[in-house]
Amino acid sequence: MKRVIYKRLIKVASKRGAAFVVLLDPDKESVVGLPEKVKACEKAGVGAFFVGGSLVQSSDIDDFTALLKASTVLPVVGFPGSLNQISRHLDAVLYLSVVSGRNADMLFGRHVYVAPVIKKLGIEPIPTAYMLVESGLLTTAQYLNNSLPLPRSKPEIAAATALAAEMMGMKLLYLEGGSGANEPVPTSMIKAVAQTCTSPIVIGGGLTTPVQVRERVEAGASIVVVGNAIEANGDISFLSEMAAAVHTR
């Protein structure tokens, strides 16, 4: 299977030191002004867009994704919280397995239902080990996944979990506190995973400042995903500051 979008993300991360990705939630983003926001992200140096969320109730996710795709030359990648978040307009989709928990349906259950859909639509699947990390509050992702998060004070557990996922063939190791997390993934955990594994590490959840972003890139993150902070402050200067913090070269 060709890995066009995956290779493109990794190439950007290698060239810039890390890749900066903006997460767009159709429930929180209006289509009004979306093309302008997308152009601002491109100008700031964003490398790709993720689309989705823990609880997307919007019935027009296909229309949202189509508008986003028509507005950018960057990859548009699905970050689905449920089966109804797959759109034919996606370039690729994070094929998520919640390896931090023991909910069989999220480890390997819903995947069986959606696999034929992804193949039929010709969307590139990117096998991704998704690891929820304790963030100081019960996030939507934790609640809906019915999974305990990794304890933030136990980096060795995260490292062992990530290593197991890597040995099973996962292409990305996604550590996240969840949407609107009180605290981002600790740098000690990122370092432990980076020292144990060779697969690219994705970090998201609770990142609100350039300093937080740079610390996590220096700890070993290859892809940094920011959503809520961009929703709250999406002006070009803030986007540029966040991008500069991600890009170490």
Protein backbone atom coordinates (compact mmCIF):
# COMPACT_ATOMS: atom_id res chain seq x y z
CA MET A 1 0.00 0.00 0.00
CA LYS A 2 1.33 3.43 -0.96
CA ARG A 3 2.04 5.82 1.91
CA VAL A 4 2.00 9.12 0.00
CA ILE A 5 0.56 11.39 2.69
CA TYR A 6 2.39 9.63 5.51
CA LYS A 7 5.69 10.07 3.68
CA ARG A 8 4.87 13.70 3.00
CA LEU A 9 4.25 14.38 6.70
CA ILE A 10 7.49 12.68 7.66
CA LYS A 11 9.38 14.59 4.98
CA VAL A 12 8.09 17.91 6.34
CA ALA A 13 9.02 16.88 9.88
CA SER A 14 12.52 15.90 8.76
CA LYS A 15 13.03 19.10 6.78
CA ARG A 16 11.68 21.52 9.40
CA GLY A 17 12.67 19.70 12.59
CA ALA A 18 8.99 18.91 13.25
CA ALA A 19 5.69 19.32 11.42
CA PHE A 20 3.02 21.76 12.56
CA VAL A 21 -0.56 20.49 12.11
CA VAL A 22 -3.78 22.39 12.79
CA LEU A 23 -6.78 20.35 13.96
CA LEU A 24 -10.17 21.58 12.72
CA ASP A 25 -13.35 20.38 14.44
CA PRO A 26 -16.42 20.82 12.18
CA ASP A 27 -18.59 21.37 15.27
CA LYS A 28 -16.45 24.30 16.38
CA GLU A 29 -15.41 25.81 13.05
CA SER A 30 -17.76 27.79 10.83
CA VAL A 31 -17.52 27.36 7.08
CA VAL A 32 -17.85 31.14 6.93
CA GLY A 33 -14.30 32.43 6.81
CA LEU A 34 -12.79 28.94 6.60
CA PRO A 35 -10.88 29.59 3.34
CA GLU A 36 -9.34 32.74 4.84
CA LYS A 37 -8.31 30.88 7.99
CA VAL A 38 -6.78 28.12 5.90
CA LYS A 39 -4.74 30.61 3.88
CA ALA A 40 -3.48 32.21 7.11
CA CYS A 41 -2.38 28.76 8.32
CA GLU A 42 -0.57 28.10 5.05
CA LYS A 43 1.17 31.47 5.23
CA ALA A 44 2.30 30.75 8.79
CA GLY A 45 3.92 27.45 7.78
CA VAL A 46 1.35 24.81 8.77
CA GLY A 47 2.21 21.45 7.20
CA ALA A 48 -1.20 19.74 7.15
CA PHE A 49 -4.74 19.84 8.49
CA PHE A 50 -6.39 17.21 10.65
CA VAL A 51 -10.21 17.08 10.63
CA GLY A 52 -12.36 15.58 13.37
CA GLY A 53 -12.97 15.51 17.08
CA SER A 54 -14.10 13.37 19.98
CA LEU A 55 -17.76 14.28 19.52
CA VAL A 56 -18.59 15.62 16.06
CA GLN A 57 -22.36 15.95 15.72
CA SER A 58 -22.34 18.03 12.57
CA SER A 59 -24.25 16.33 9.77
CA ASP A 60 -22.33 18.16 7.07
CA ILE A 61 -18.80 16.94 7.81
CA ASP A 62 -18.53 15.91 4.16
CA ASP A 63 -19.33 19.45 3.01
CA PHE A 64 -16.90 20.90 5.57
CA THR A 65 -14.10 18.62 4.41
CA ALA A 66 -14.86 19.37 0.76
CA LEU A 67 -14.57 23.13 1.39
CA LEU A 68 -11.34 22.64 3.33
CA LYS A 69 -9.90 20.46 0.57
CA ALA A 70 -10.85 23.03 -2.06
CA SER A 71 -9.18 25.79 -0.03
CA THR A 72 -5.73 24.29 0.44
CA VAL A 73 -2.91 22.45 -1.28
CA LEU A 74 -1.89 20.89 2.04
CA PRO A 75 -2.83 17.34 3.07
CA VAL A 76 -6.25 16.96 4.69
CA VAL A 77 -6.16 14.05 7.13
CA GLY A 78 -9.06 12.59 9.07
CA PHE A 79 -8.71 12.36 12.86
CA PRO A 80 -11.96 10.46 13.49
CA GLY A 81 -13.56 10.09 16.88
CA SER A 82 -16.29 7.91 15.37
CA LEU A 83 -17.25 6.09 12.17
CA ASN A 84 -19.39 8.97 10.88
CA GLN A 85 -16.30 11.17 10.56
CA ILE A 86 -15.00 9.52 7.38
CA SER A 87 -15.33 11.77 4.32
CA ARG A 88 -14.61 10.95 0.69
CA HIS A 89 -12.74 14.26 0.44
CA LEU A 90 -9.96 13.19 2.85
CA ASP A 91 -6.47 12.54 1.52
CA ALA A 92 -5.72 10.16 4.38
CA VAL A 93 -7.09 9.09 7.74
CA LEU A 94 -5.40 8.28 11.02
CA TYR A 95 -6.40 4.64 11.51
CA LEU A 96 -6.52 4.92 15.28
CA SER A 97 -6.14 2.16 17.82
CA VAL A 98 -6.49 3.35 21.43
CA VAL A 99 -3.62 1.32 22.85
CA SER A 100 -3.56 3.19 26.17
CA GLY A 101 -6.84 1.53 27.21
CA ARG A 102 -8.31 -1.94 27.20
CA ASN A 103 -11.58 -1.20 25.43
CA ALA A 104 -11.58 -3.92 22.76
CA ASP A 105 -13.90 -1.93 20.49
CA MET A 106 -11.38 0.92 20.33
CA LEU A 107 -8.36 -1.39 20.08
CA PHE A 108 -9.73 -3.49 17.21
CA GLY A 109 -13.47 -3.40 16.77
CA ARG A 110 -14.88 -0.44 14.89
CA HIS A 111 -11.90 -0.80 12.58
CA VAL A 112 -13.54 -3.85 10.97
CA TYR A 113 -16.63 -1.83 10.03
CA VAL A 114 -14.78 1.15 8.61
CA ALA A 115 -11.97 -0.65 6.74
CA PRO A 116 -14.10 -1.49 3.65
CA VAL A 117 -15.35 2.13 3.56
CA ILE A 118 -11.82 3.54 3.63
CA LYS A 119 -10.73 1.17 0.87
CA LYS A 120 -13.76 1.93 -1.30
CA LEU A 121 -13.21 5.69 -1.00
CA GLY A 122 -9.51 5.33 -1.81
CA ILE A 123 -8.38 7.10 1.37
CA GLU A 124 -4.86 6.39 2.59
CA PRO A 125 -4.96 4.79 6.08
CA ILE A 126 -2.16 5.69 8.47
CA PRO A 127 -1.95 3.09 11.29
CA THR A 128 -1.72 5.16 14.46
CA ALA A 129 -1.25 4.13 18.08
CA TYR A 130 -3.38 6.57 20.07
CA MET A 131 -2.41 7.02 23.70
CA LEU A 132 -4.52 9.14 26.01
CA VAL A 133 -2.47 10.74 28.78
CA GLU A 134 -3.76 11.91 32.15
CA SER A 135 -4.28 15.66 31.82
CA GLY A 136 -5.82 16.84 35.09
CA LEU A 137 -9.45 16.41 34.06
CA LEU A 138 -11.82 13.91 32.45
CA THR A 139 -11.70 14.76 28.74
CA THR A 140 -14.35 13.96 26.14
CA ALA A 141 -11.97 11.51 24.48
CA GLN A 142 -11.49 9.56 27.73
CA TYR A 143 -15.20 9.46 28.46
CA LEU A 144 -16.27 8.34 24.99
CA ASN A 145 -13.45 5.80 24.64
CA ASN A 146 -14.23 4.35 28.06
CA SER A 147 -10.49 4.02 28.60
CA LEU A 148 -8.20 4.91 31.47
CA PRO A 149 -5.46 7.33 30.42
CA LEU A 150 -1.77 6.65 30.90
CA PRO A 151 -0.64 8.12 34.26
CA ARG A 152 1.42 11.23 33.52
CA SER A 153 3.88 10.38 36.29
CA LYS A 154 4.75 6.99 34.72
CA PRO A 155 6.73 7.64 31.52
CA GLU A 156 8.02 4.07 31.54
CA ILE A 157 4.46 2.77 31.03
CA ALA A 158 4.00 5.08 28.05
CA ALA A 159 7.33 3.94 26.59
CA ALA A 160 6.45 0.25 26.93
CA THR A 161 2.99 0.84 25.45
CA ALA A 162 4.44 2.76 22.51
CA LEU A 163 7.08 0.08 21.92
CA ALA A 164 4.43 -2.64 21.82
CA ALA A 165 2.44 -0.60 19.29
CA GLU A 166 5.54 -0.03 17.18
CA MET A 167 6.29 -3.76 17.19
CA MET A 168 2.74 -4.35 15.96
CA GLY A 169 3.40 -2.13 12.96
CA MET A 170 1.90 1.23 13.95
CA LYS A 171 3.36 4.07 11.85
CA LEU A 172 2.65 6.95 14.26
CA LEU A 173 2.73 7.13 18.06
CA TYR A 174 0.13 9.72 19.10
CA LEU A 175 0.33 10.96 22.70
CA GLU A 176 -2.51 13.26 23.68
CA GLY A 177 -4.13 14.77 26.73
CA GLY A 178 -7.43 15.17 24.87
CA SER A 179 -9.28 18.19 23.52
CA GLY A 180 -9.05 21.12 25.91
CA ALA A 181 -6.72 19.28 28.28
CA ASN A 182 -5.64 21.14 31.41
CA GLU A 183 -2.05 20.04 30.96
CA PRO A 184 -0.16 18.92 27.85
CA VAL A 185 1.72 15.62 27.62
CA PRO A 186 4.76 15.91 29.93
CA THR A 187 8.17 16.22 28.30
CA SER A 188 9.50 13.36 30.47
CA MET A 189 7.00 11.02 28.81
CA ILE A 190 7.90 12.20 25.31
CA LYS A 191 11.60 11.71 26.04
CA ALA A 192 10.99 8.19 27.36
CA VAL A 193 9.06 7.20 24.23
CA ALA A 194 11.63 8.84 21.92
CA GLN A 195 14.49 6.98 23.62
CA THR A 196 12.63 3.66 23.34
CA CYS A 197 11.02 3.86 19.90
CA THR A 198 11.99 4.93 16.39
CA SER A 199 8.52 5.73 15.02
CA PRO A 200 7.48 9.41 14.73
CA ILE A 201 5.81 10.84 17.82
CA VAL A 202 2.70 13.01 17.50
CA ILE A 203 1.77 15.34 20.37
CA GLY A 204 -1.55 17.11 20.91
CA GLY A 205 -3.91 18.41 23.57
CA GLY A 206 -3.44 21.35 25.93
CA LEU A 207 -0.75 23.14 23.92
CA THR A 208 -1.44 26.86 24.16
CA THR A 209 1.95 28.62 24.01
CA PRO A 210 5.04 28.58 21.78
CA VAL A 211 7.18 27.68 24.81
CA GLN A 212 5.15 24.53 25.49
CA VAL A 213 5.42 23.57 21.85
CA ARG A 214 9.19 24.05 21.59
CA GLU A 215 9.79 22.06 24.80
CA ARG A 216 7.92 19.10 23.35
CA VAL A 217 9.71 19.24 20.02
CA GLU A 218 13.04 19.31 21.84
CA ALA A 219 11.86 16.31 23.89
CA GLY A 220 11.33 14.27 20.72
CA ALA A 221 7.99 15.14 19.08
CA SER A 222 7.98 14.93 15.27
CA ILE A 223 4.46 16.26 14.70
CA VAL A 224 2.70 18.85 16.86
CA VAL A 225 -1.09 19.18 16.64
CA VAL A 226 -2.88 22.28 17.91
CA GLY A 227 -6.64 22.76 17.85
CA ASN A 228 -8.34 24.66 20.67
CA ALA A 229 -5.64 27.31 20.92
CA ILE A 230 -6.04 28.10 17.22
CA GLU A 231 -9.82 28.26 17.59
CA ALA A 232 -9.41 30.80 20.39
CA ASN A 233 -6.64 32.80 18.69
CA GLY A 234 -6.24 32.16 14.99
CA ASP A 235 -4.62 35.40 13.91
CA ILE A 236 -1.55 35.22 11.71
CA SER A 237 0.89 36.45 14.35
CA PHE A 238 -0.06 33.72 16.83
CA LEU A 239 0.00 31.07 14.09
CA SER A 240 3.45 32.24 13.04
CA GLU A 241 4.75 32.15 16.62
CA MET A 242 3.47 28.59 17.09
CA ALA A 243 4.92 27.50 13.75
CA ALA A 244 8.29 29.05 14.60
CA ALA A 245 8.29 27.11 17.88
CA VAL A 246 7.61 23.84 16.05
CA HIS A 247 10.15 24.38 13.28
CA THR A 248 13.64 24.03 14.69
CA ARG A 249 15.22 24.38 11.23
